[in-house]
Amino acid sequence: MHSAVISVMTTFSELRNKQVINLRDGCLLGCVSDVEFNACSGEITAIVLPGSGIWASFSPKNRIVIPWCDIERIGKDTVLVKLKDLKRLE
């Protein structure tokens, strides 16, 4: 896990609703809505962004899942990631 990520993030409520920007193309992907974690180790494995559309926050379809290893930096207002391809949950 990146040391820059560890020193900034302390709670889920601080991570939630931060804008996520892909450094590869400068695209705004959305805001963090959830996290995935390993129940055995307690480590966060991914952040999840809602899909597109009016009811996106209420549906798991087309959510964007970003592996924790692809996070470059978590700032005060944004999360910077480096993604080649978006992985969406179907």
PDB file of N, CA and C in Angstrom:
ATOM      1  N   MET A   1       0.854  -1.174   0.000  1.00  0.00           N
ATOM      2  CA  MET A   1       0.000   0.000   0.000  1.00  0.00           C
ATOM      3  C   MET A   1       0.901   1.238   0.000  1.00  0.00           C
ATOM      4  N   HIS A   2       0.514   2.229  -0.760  1.00  0.00           N
ATOM      5  CA  HIS A   2       1.306   3.444  -0.876  1.00  0.00           C
ATOM      6  C   HIS A   2       1.348   4.197   0.451  1.00  0.00           C
ATOM      7  N   SER A   3       2.536   4.716   0.814  1.00  0.00           N
ATOM      8  CA  SER A   3       2.643   5.468   2.062  1.00  0.00           C
ATOM      9  C   SER A   3       1.829   6.752   2.010  1.00  0.00           C
ATOM     10  N   ALA A   4       1.681   7.361   0.829  1.00  0.00           N
ATOM     11  CA  ALA A   4       0.877   8.581   0.696  1.00  0.00           C
ATOM     12  C   ALA A   4      -0.588   8.294   0.986  1.00  0.00           C
ATOM     13  N   VAL A   5      -1.037   7.099   0.637  1.00  0.00           N
ATOM     14  CA  VAL A   5      -2.425   6.718   0.881  1.00  0.00           C
ATOM     15  C   VAL A   5      -2.644   6.486   2.367  1.00  0.00           C
ATOM     16  N   ILE A   6      -1.720   5.802   3.017  1.00  0.00           N
ATOM     17  CA  ILE A   6      -1.867   5.487   4.436  1.00  0.00           C
ATOM     18  C   ILE A   6      -1.909   6.749   5.286  1.00  0.00           C
ATOM     19  N   SER A   7      -1.060   7.713   4.994  1.00  0.00           N
ATOM     20  CA  SER A   7      -0.963   8.890   5.840  1.00  0.00           C
ATOM     21  C   SER A   7      -2.167   9.818   5.725  1.00  0.00           C
ATOM     22  N   VAL A   8      -2.915   9.743   4.630  1.00  0.00           N
ATOM     23  CA  VAL A   8      -4.036  10.655   4.419  1.00  0.00           C
ATOM     24  C   VAL A   8      -5.357  10.052   4.864  1.00  0.00           C
ATOM     25  N   MET A   9      -5.592   8.802   4.535  1.00  0.00           N
ATOM     26  CA  MET A   9      -6.897   8.210   4.797  1.00  0.00           C
ATOM     27  C   MET A   9      -6.970   7.654   6.207  1.00  0.00           C
ATOM     28  N   THR A  10      -7.974   8.091   6.959  1.00  0.00           N
ATOM     29  CA  THR A  10      -8.142   7.553   8.293  1.00  0.00           C
ATOM     30  C   THR A  10      -9.488   6.871   8.483  1.00  0.00           C
ATOM     31  N   THR A  11     -10.538   7.329   7.806  1.00  0.00           N
ATOM     32  CA  THR A  11     -11.850   6.706   7.951  1.00  0.00           C
ATOM     33  C   THR A  11     -12.544   6.608   6.596  1.00  0.00           C
ATOM     34  N   PHE A  12     -13.532   5.709   6.527  1.00  0.00           N
ATOM     35  CA  PHE A  12     -14.310   5.558   5.307  1.00  0.00           C
ATOM     36  C   PHE A  12     -15.093   6.829   5.012  1.00  0.00           C
ATOM     37  N   SER A  13     -15.594   7.478   6.047  1.00  0.00           N
ATOM     38  CA  SER A  13     -16.383   8.694   5.826  1.00  0.00           C
ATOM     39  C   SER A  13     -15.547   9.801   5.190  1.00  0.00           C
ATOM     40  N   GLU A  14     -14.236   9.805   5.432  1.00  0.00           N
ATOM     41  CA  GLU A  14     -13.359  10.781   4.777  1.00  0.00           C
ATOM     42  C   GLU A  14     -13.115  10.421   3.312  1.00  0.00           C
ATOM     43  N   LEU A  15     -13.115   9.140   2.997  1.00  0.00           N
ATOM     44  CA  LEU A  15     -12.889   8.681   1.619  1.00  0.00           C
ATOM     45  C   LEU A  15     -14.143   8.815   0.767  1.00  0.00           C
ATOM     46  N   ARG A  16     -15.288   8.575   1.380  1.00  0.00           N
ATOM     47  CA  ARG A  16     -16.559   8.576   0.649  1.00  0.00           C
ATOM     48  C   ARG A  16     -16.849   9.942   0.047  1.00  0.00           C
ATOM     49  N   ASN A  17     -17.359   9.932  -1.166  1.00  0.00           N
ATOM     50  CA  ASN A  17     -17.746  11.122  -1.928  1.00  0.00           C
ATOM     51  C   ASN A  17     -16.577  11.941  -2.468  1.00  0.00           C
ATOM     52  N   LYS A  18     -15.341  11.462  -2.324  1.00  0.00           N
ATOM     53  CA  LYS A  18     -14.225  12.155  -2.987  1.00  0.00           C
ATOM     54  C   LYS A  18     -14.292  11.861  -4.477  1.00  0.00           C
ATOM     55  N   GLN A  19     -13.976  12.854  -5.296  1.00  0.00           N
ATOM     56  CA  GLN A  19     -13.953  12.661  -6.746  1.00  0.00           C
ATOM     57  C   GLN A  19     -12.745  11.817  -7.125  1.00  0.00           C
ATOM     58  N   VAL A  20     -12.937  10.919  -8.090  1.00  0.00           N
ATOM     59  CA  VAL A  20     -11.873  10.041  -8.560  1.00  0.00           C
ATOM     60  C   VAL A  20     -11.490  10.457  -9.966  1.00  0.00           C
ATOM     61  N   ILE A  21     -10.198  10.717 -10.172  1.00  0.00           N
ATOM     62  CA  ILE A  21      -9.686  11.170 -11.465  1.00  0.00           C
ATOM     63  C   ILE A  21      -8.635  10.180 -11.956  1.00  0.00           C
ATOM     64  N   ASN A  22      -8.767   9.779 -13.225  1.00  0.00           N
ATOM     65  CA  ASN A  22      -7.806   8.882 -13.845  1.00  0.00           C
ATOM     66  C   ASN A  22      -6.653   9.719 -14.400  1.00  0.00           C
ATOM     67  N   LEU A  23      -5.452   9.474 -13.897  1.00  0.00           N
ATOM     68  CA  LEU A  23      -4.279  10.229 -14.342  1.00  0.00           C
ATOM     69  C   LEU A  23      -3.874   9.915 -15.783  1.00  0.00           C
ATOM     70  N   ARG A  24      -4.261   8.770 -16.303  1.00  0.00           N
ATOM     71  CA  ARG A  24      -3.877   8.399 -17.670  1.00  0.00           C
ATOM     72  C   ARG A  24      -4.545   9.262 -18.728  1.00  0.00           C
ATOM     73  N   ASP A  25      -5.815   9.665 -18.483  1.00  0.00           N
ATOM     74  CA  ASP A  25      -6.509  10.476 -19.480  1.00  0.00           C
ATOM     75  C   ASP A  25      -7.160  11.735 -18.902  1.00  0.00           C
ATOM     76  N   GLY A  26      -7.006  11.959 -17.597  1.00  0.00           N
ATOM     77  CA  GLY A  26      -7.566  13.149 -16.960  1.00  0.00           C
ATOM     78  C   GLY A  26      -9.071  13.102 -16.768  1.00  0.00           C
ATOM     79  N   CYS A  27      -9.672  11.948 -16.986  1.00  0.00           N
ATOM     80  CA  CYS A  27     -11.129  11.810 -16.922  1.00  0.00           C
ATOM     81  C   CYS A  27     -11.618  11.724 -15.476  1.00  0.00           C
ATOM     82  N   LEU A  28     -12.706  12.441 -15.197  1.00  0.00           N
ATOM     83  CA  LEU A  28     -13.381  12.329 -13.908  1.00  0.00           C
ATOM     84  C   LEU A  28     -14.268  11.094 -13.970  1.00  0.00           C
ATOM     85  N   LEU A  29     -13.988  10.122 -13.111  1.00  0.00           N
ATOM     86  CA  LEU A  29     -14.705   8.851 -13.147  1.00  0.00           C
ATOM     87  C   LEU A  29     -15.957   8.854 -12.290  1.00  0.00           C
ATOM     88  N   GLY A  30     -16.007   9.713 -11.295  1.00  0.00           N
ATOM     89  CA  GLY A  30     -17.143   9.758 -10.380  1.00  0.00           C
ATOM     90  C   GLY A  30     -16.652   9.925  -8.963  1.00  0.00           C
ATOM     91  N   CYS A  31     -17.511   9.654  -8.010  1.00  0.00           N
ATOM     92  CA  CYS A  31     -17.175   9.779  -6.590  1.00  0.00           C
ATOM     93  C   CYS A  31     -17.214   8.416  -5.911  1.00  0.00           C
ATOM     94  N   VAL A  32     -16.362   8.236  -4.940  1.00  0.00           N
ATOM     95  CA  VAL A  32     -16.310   6.988  -4.186  1.00  0.00           C
ATOM     96  C   VAL A  32     -17.639   6.782  -3.467  1.00  0.00           C
ATOM     97  N   SER A  33     -18.222   5.599  -3.649  1.00  0.00           N
ATOM     98  CA  SER A  33     -19.480   5.296  -2.968  1.00  0.00           C
ATOM     99  C   SER A  33     -19.346   4.139  -1.988  1.00  0.00           C
ATOM    100  N   ASP A  34     -18.320   3.313  -2.175  1.00  0.00           N
ATOM    101  CA  ASP A  34     -18.179   2.135  -1.327  1.00  0.00           C
ATOM    102  C   ASP A  34     -16.749   1.628  -1.401  1.00  0.00           C
ATOM    103  N   VAL A  35     -16.413   0.673  -0.554  1.00  0.00           N
ATOM    104  CA  VAL A  35     -15.114   0.007  -0.601  1.00  0.00           C
ATOM    105  C   VAL A  35     -15.337  -1.498  -0.543  1.00  0.00           C
ATOM    106  N   GLU A  36     -14.378  -2.247  -1.059  1.00  0.00           N
ATOM    107  CA  GLU A  36     -14.354  -3.693  -0.901  1.00  0.00           C
ATOM    108  C   GLU A  36     -13.159  -4.015  -0.021  1.00  0.00           C
ATOM    109  N   PHE A  37     -13.324  -4.998   0.845  1.00  0.00           N
ATOM    110  CA  PHE A  37     -12.208  -5.359   1.713  1.00  0.00           C
ATOM    111  C   PHE A  37     -12.124  -6.860   1.899  1.00  0.00           C
ATOM    112  N   ASN A  38     -10.948  -7.310   2.304  1.00  0.00           N
ATOM    113  CA  ASN A  38     -10.700  -8.708   2.599  1.00  0.00           C
ATOM    114  C   ASN A  38     -11.138  -8.952   4.038  1.00  0.00           C
ATOM    115  N   ALA A  39     -12.142  -9.783   4.233  1.00  0.00           N
ATOM    116  CA  ALA A  39     -12.692 -10.020   5.562  1.00  0.00           C
ATOM    117  C   ALA A  39     -11.697 -10.691   6.502  1.00  0.00           C
ATOM    118  N   CYS A  40     -10.779 -11.470   5.956  1.00  0.00           N
ATOM    119  CA  CYS A  40      -9.794 -12.156   6.807  1.00  0.00           C
ATOM    120  C   CYS A  40      -8.710 -11.206   7.314  1.00  0.00           C
ATOM    121  N   SER A  41      -8.188 -10.372   6.412  1.00  0.00           N
ATOM    122  CA  SER A  41      -7.085  -9.480   6.797  1.00  0.00           C
ATOM    123  C   SER A  41      -7.555  -8.092   7.223  1.00  0.00           C
ATOM    124  N   GLY A  42      -8.770  -7.717   6.809  1.00  0.00           N
ATOM    125  CA  GLY A  42      -9.275  -6.381   7.127  1.00  0.00           C
ATOM    126  C   GLY A  42      -8.746  -5.303   6.201  1.00  0.00           C
ATOM    127  N   GLU A  43      -7.983  -5.680   5.175  1.00  0.00           N
ATOM    128  CA  GLU A  43      -7.411  -4.708   4.246  1.00  0.00           C
ATOM    129  C   GLU A  43      -8.413  -4.310   3.169  1.00  0.00           C
ATOM    130  N   ILE A  44      -8.390  -3.042   2.792  1.00  0.00           N
ATOM    131  CA  ILE A  44      -9.213  -2.581   1.688  1.00  0.00           C
ATOM    132  C   ILE A  44      -8.587  -3.100   0.399  1.00  0.00           C
ATOM    133  N   THR A  45      -9.409  -3.688  -0.477  1.00  0.00           N
ATOM    134  CA  THR A  45      -8.892  -4.237  -1.732  1.00  0.00           C
ATOM    135  C   THR A  45      -9.281  -3.393  -2.939  1.00  0.00           C
ATOM    136  N   ALA A  46     -10.359  -2.583  -2.816  1.00  0.00           N
ATOM    137  CA  ALA A  46     -10.811  -1.779  -3.951  1.00  0.00           C
ATOM    138  C   ALA A  46     -11.746  -0.680  -3.464  1.00  0.00           C
ATOM    139  N   ILE A  47     -11.840   0.378  -4.293  1.00  0.00           N
ATOM    140  CA  ILE A  47     -12.874   1.380  -4.080  1.00  0.00           C
ATOM    141  C   ILE A  47     -13.907   1.192  -5.178  1.00  0.00           C
ATOM    142  N   VAL A  48     -15.143   1.558  -4.900  1.00  0.00           N
ATOM    143  CA  VAL A  48     -16.238   1.342  -5.840  1.00  0.00           C
ATOM    144  C   VAL A  48     -16.912   2.673  -6.127  1.00  0.00           C
ATOM    145  N   LEU A  49     -17.184   2.912  -7.421  1.00  0.00           N
ATOM    146  CA  LEU A  49     -17.903   4.100  -7.863  1.00  0.00           C
ATOM    147  C   LEU A  49     -19.214   3.639  -8.472  1.00  0.00           C
ATOM    148  N   PRO A  50     -20.291   4.406  -8.299  1.00  0.00           N
ATOM    149  CA  PRO A  50     -21.563   3.990  -8.894  1.00  0.00           C
ATOM    150  C   PRO A  50     -21.496   4.068 -10.411  1.00  0.00           C
ATOM    151  N   GLY A  51     -22.355   3.320 -11.065  1.00  0.00           N
ATOM    152  CA  GLY A  51     -22.446   3.372 -12.518  1.00  0.00           C
ATOM    153  C   GLY A  51     -23.109   4.659 -12.963  1.00  0.00           C
ATOM    154  N   SER A  52     -23.405   4.755 -14.241  1.00  0.00           N
ATOM    155  CA  SER A  52     -24.030   5.967 -14.761  1.00  0.00           C
ATOM    156  C   SER A  52     -25.545   5.834 -14.756  1.00  0.00           C
ATOM    157  N   GLY A  53     -26.215   6.967 -14.797  1.00  0.00           N
ATOM    158  CA  GLY A  53     -27.680   6.976 -14.845  1.00  0.00           C
ATOM    159  C   GLY A  53     -28.289   7.548 -13.579  1.00  0.00           C
ATOM    160  N   ILE A  54     -29.575   7.818 -13.673  1.00  0.00           N
ATOM    161  CA  ILE A  54     -30.296   8.456 -12.569  1.00  0.00           C
ATOM    162  C   ILE A  54     -30.311   7.584 -11.313  1.00  0.00           C
ATOM    163  N   TRP A  55     -30.519   6.290 -11.462  1.00  0.00           N
ATOM    164  CA  TRP A  55     -30.645   5.395 -10.318  1.00  0.00           C
ATOM    165  C   TRP A  55     -29.349   4.652 -10.011  1.00  0.00           C
ATOM    166  N   ALA A  56     -28.224   5.157 -10.482  1.00  0.00           N
ATOM    167  CA  ALA A  56     -26.945   4.467 -10.346  1.00  0.00           C
ATOM    168  C   ALA A  56     -26.566   4.174  -8.898  1.00  0.00           C
ATOM    169  N   SER A  57     -26.868   5.078  -8.002  1.00  0.00           N
ATOM    170  CA  SER A  57     -26.499   4.878  -6.600  1.00  0.00           C
ATOM    171  C   SER A  57     -27.247   3.725  -5.954  1.00  0.00           C
ATOM    172  N   PHE A  58     -28.378   3.334  -6.531  1.00  0.00           N
ATOM    173  CA  PHE A  58     -29.197   2.290  -5.944  1.00  0.00           C
ATOM    174  C   PHE A  58     -29.010   0.930  -6.590  1.00  0.00           C
ATOM    175  N   SER A  59     -28.226   0.864  -7.651  1.00  0.00           N
ATOM    176  CA  SER A  59     -28.064  -0.385  -8.389  1.00  0.00           C
ATOM    177  C   SER A  59     -26.597  -0.793  -8.444  1.00  0.00           C
ATOM    178  N   PRO A  60     -26.307  -2.072  -8.203  1.00  0.00           N
ATOM    179  CA  PRO A  60     -24.920  -2.532  -8.309  1.00  0.00           C
ATOM    180  C   PRO A  60     -24.463  -2.722  -9.757  1.00  0.00           C
ATOM    181  N   LYS A  61     -25.384  -2.637 -10.712  1.00  0.00           N
ATOM    182  CA  LYS A  61     -25.041  -2.859 -12.115  1.00  0.00           C
ATOM    183  C   LYS A  61     -24.161  -1.726 -12.642  1.00  0.00           C
ATOM    184  N   ASN A  62     -23.141  -2.096 -13.384  1.00  0.00           N
ATOM    185  CA  ASN A  62     -22.207  -1.170 -14.035  1.00  0.00           C
ATOM    186  C   ASN A  62     -21.368  -0.340 -13.072  1.00  0.00           C
ATOM    187  N   ARG A  63     -21.260  -0.774 -11.825  1.00  0.00           N
ATOM    188  CA  ARG A  63     -20.388  -0.049 -10.899  1.00  0.00           C
ATOM    189  C   ARG A  63     -18.945  -0.154 -11.378  1.00  0.00           C
ATOM    190  N   ILE A  64     -18.146   0.850 -11.081  1.00  0.00           N
ATOM    191  CA  ILE A  64     -16.726   0.844 -11.427  1.00  0.00           C
ATOM    192  C   ILE A  64     -15.944   0.396 -10.195  1.00  0.00           C
ATOM    193  N   VAL A  65     -15.136  -0.637 -10.355  1.00  0.00           N
ATOM    194  CA  VAL A  65     -14.332  -1.174  -9.260  1.00  0.00           C
ATOM    195  C   VAL A  65     -12.867  -0.854  -9.553  1.00  0.00           C
ATOM    196  N   ILE A  66     -12.233  -0.127  -8.648  1.00  0.00           N
ATOM    197  CA  ILE A  66     -10.843   0.271  -8.831  1.00  0.00           C
ATOM    198  C   ILE A  66      -9.989  -0.425  -7.776  1.00  0.00           C
ATOM    199  N   PRO A  67      -9.089  -1.329  -8.209  1.00  0.00           N
ATOM    200  CA  PRO A  67      -8.227  -2.020  -7.249  1.00  0.00           C
ATOM    201  C   PRO A  67      -7.389  -1.032  -6.439  1.00  0.00           C
ATOM    202  N   TRP A  68      -7.185  -1.357  -5.176  1.00  0.00           N
ATOM    203  CA  TRP A  68      -6.438  -0.477  -4.274  1.00  0.00           C
ATOM    204  C   TRP A  68      -5.034  -0.195  -4.813  1.00  0.00           C
ATOM    205  N   CYS A  69      -4.440  -1.164  -5.490  1.00  0.00           N
ATOM    206  CA  CYS A  69      -3.079  -0.983  -6.019  1.00  0.00           C
ATOM    207  C   CYS A  69      -3.015   0.057  -7.134  1.00  0.00           C
ATOM    208  N   ASP A  70      -4.157   0.412  -7.742  1.00  0.00           N
ATOM    209  CA  ASP A  70      -4.187   1.412  -8.807  1.00  0.00           C
ATOM    210  C   ASP A  70      -4.359   2.840  -8.288  1.00  0.00           C
ATOM    211  N   ILE A  71      -4.511   2.990  -6.984  1.00  0.00           N
ATOM    212  CA  ILE A  71      -4.629   4.330  -6.395  1.00  0.00           C
ATOM    213  C   ILE A  71      -3.233   4.922  -6.253  1.00  0.00           C
ATOM    214  N   GLU A  72      -3.044   6.098  -6.815  1.00  0.00           N
ATOM    215  CA  GLU A  72      -1.756   6.778  -6.740  1.00  0.00           C
ATOM    216  C   GLU A  72      -1.665   7.704  -5.530  1.00  0.00           C
ATOM    217  N   ARG A  73      -2.752   8.434  -5.265  1.00  0.00           N
ATOM    218  CA  ARG A  73      -2.740   9.380  -4.151  1.00  0.00           C
ATOM    219  C   ARG A  73      -4.156   9.719  -3.737  1.00  0.00           C
ATOM    220  N   ILE A  74      -4.337   9.870  -2.443  1.00  0.00           N
ATOM    221  CA  ILE A  74      -5.609  10.337  -1.910  1.00  0.00           C
ATOM    222  C   ILE A  74      -5.362  11.712  -1.322  1.00  0.00           C
ATOM    223  N   GLY A  75      -6.023  12.705  -1.909  1.00  0.00           N
ATOM    224  CA  GLY A  75      -5.874  14.072  -1.452  1.00  0.00           C
ATOM    225  C   GLY A  75      -7.067  14.510  -0.623  1.00  0.00           C
ATOM    226  N   LYS A  76      -7.099  15.785  -0.305  1.00  0.00           N
ATOM    227  CA  LYS A  76      -8.172  16.339   0.517  1.00  0.00           C
ATOM    228  C   LYS A  76      -9.530  16.188  -0.155  1.00  0.00           C
ATOM    229  N   ASP A  77      -9.591  16.432  -1.477  1.00  0.00           N
ATOM    230  CA  ASP A  77     -10.862  16.401  -2.207  1.00  0.00           C
ATOM    231  C   ASP A  77     -10.940  15.342  -3.290  1.00  0.00           C
ATOM    232  N   THR A  78      -9.806  14.781  -3.694  1.00  0.00           N
ATOM    233  CA  THR A  78      -9.807  13.864  -4.824  1.00  0.00           C
ATOM    234  C   THR A  78      -8.972  12.613  -4.559  1.00  0.00           C
ATOM    235  N   VAL A  79      -9.259  11.588  -5.350  1.00  0.00           N
ATOM    236  CA  VAL A  79      -8.470  10.362  -5.371  1.00  0.00           C
ATOM    237  C   VAL A  79      -7.912  10.250  -6.779  1.00  0.00           C
ATOM    238  N   LEU A  80      -6.608  10.152  -6.902  1.00  0.00           N
ATOM    239  CA  LEU A  80      -5.958  10.024  -8.207  1.00  0.00           C
ATOM    240  C   LEU A  80      -5.616   8.563  -8.441  1.00  0.00           C
ATOM    241  N   VAL A  81      -6.040   8.044  -9.598  1.00  0.00           N
ATOM    242  CA  VAL A  81      -5.796   6.647  -9.937  1.00  0.00           C
ATOM    243  C   VAL A  81      -5.145   6.558 -11.307  1.00  0.00           C
ATOM    244  N   LYS A  82      -4.503   5.422 -11.585  1.00  0.00           N
ATOM    245  CA  LYS A  82      -3.943   5.146 -12.913  1.00  0.00           C
ATOM    246  C   LYS A  82      -4.571   3.866 -13.421  1.00  0.00           C
ATOM    247  N   LEU A  83      -5.541   4.019 -14.326  1.00  0.00           N
ATOM    248  CA  LEU A  83      -6.255   2.877 -14.885  1.00  0.00           C
ATOM    249  C   LEU A  83      -6.064   2.791 -16.389  1.00  0.00           C
ATOM    250  N   LYS A  84      -5.803   1.594 -16.879  1.00  0.00           N
ATOM    251  CA  LYS A  84      -5.774   1.375 -18.319  1.00  0.00           C
ATOM    252  C   LYS A  84      -7.181   1.092 -18.808  1.00  0.00           C
ATOM    253  N   ASP A  85      -7.863   0.176 -18.142  1.00  0.00           N
ATOM    254  CA  ASP A  85      -9.219  -0.213 -18.520  1.00  0.00           C
ATOM    255  C   ASP A  85     -10.109  -0.129 -17.296  1.00  0.00           C
ATOM    256  N   LEU A  86     -11.343   0.305 -17.507  1.00  0.00           N
ATOM    257  CA  LEU A  86     -12.297   0.329 -16.412  1.00  0.00           C
ATOM    258  C   LEU A  86     -12.874  -1.061 -16.217  1.00  0.00           C
ATOM    259  N   LYS A  87     -12.958  -1.483 -14.985  1.00  0.00           N
ATOM    260  CA  LYS A  87     -13.570  -2.775 -14.668  1.00  0.00           C
ATOM    261  C   LYS A  87     -14.935  -2.480 -14.063  1.00  0.00           C
ATOM    262  N   ARG A  88     -15.993  -2.879 -14.762  1.00  0.00           N
ATOM    263  CA  ARG A  88     -17.357  -2.631 -14.280  1.00  0.00           C
ATOM    264  C   ARG A  88     -17.980  -3.953 -13.829  1.00  0.00           C
ATOM    265  N   LEU A  89     -18.702  -3.891 -12.719  1.00  0.00           N
ATOM    266  CA  LEU A  89     -19.450  -5.049 -12.260  1.00  0.00           C
ATOM    267  C   LEU A  89     -20.730  -5.176 -13.058  1.00  0.00           C
ATOM    268  N   GLU A  90     -21.000  -6.326 -13.552  1.00  0.00           N
ATOM    269  CA  GLU A  90     -22.237  -6.550 -14.341  1.00  0.00           C
ATOM    270  C   GLU A  90     -23.259  -7.258 -13.489  1.00  0.00           C
TER     271      GLU A  90
END
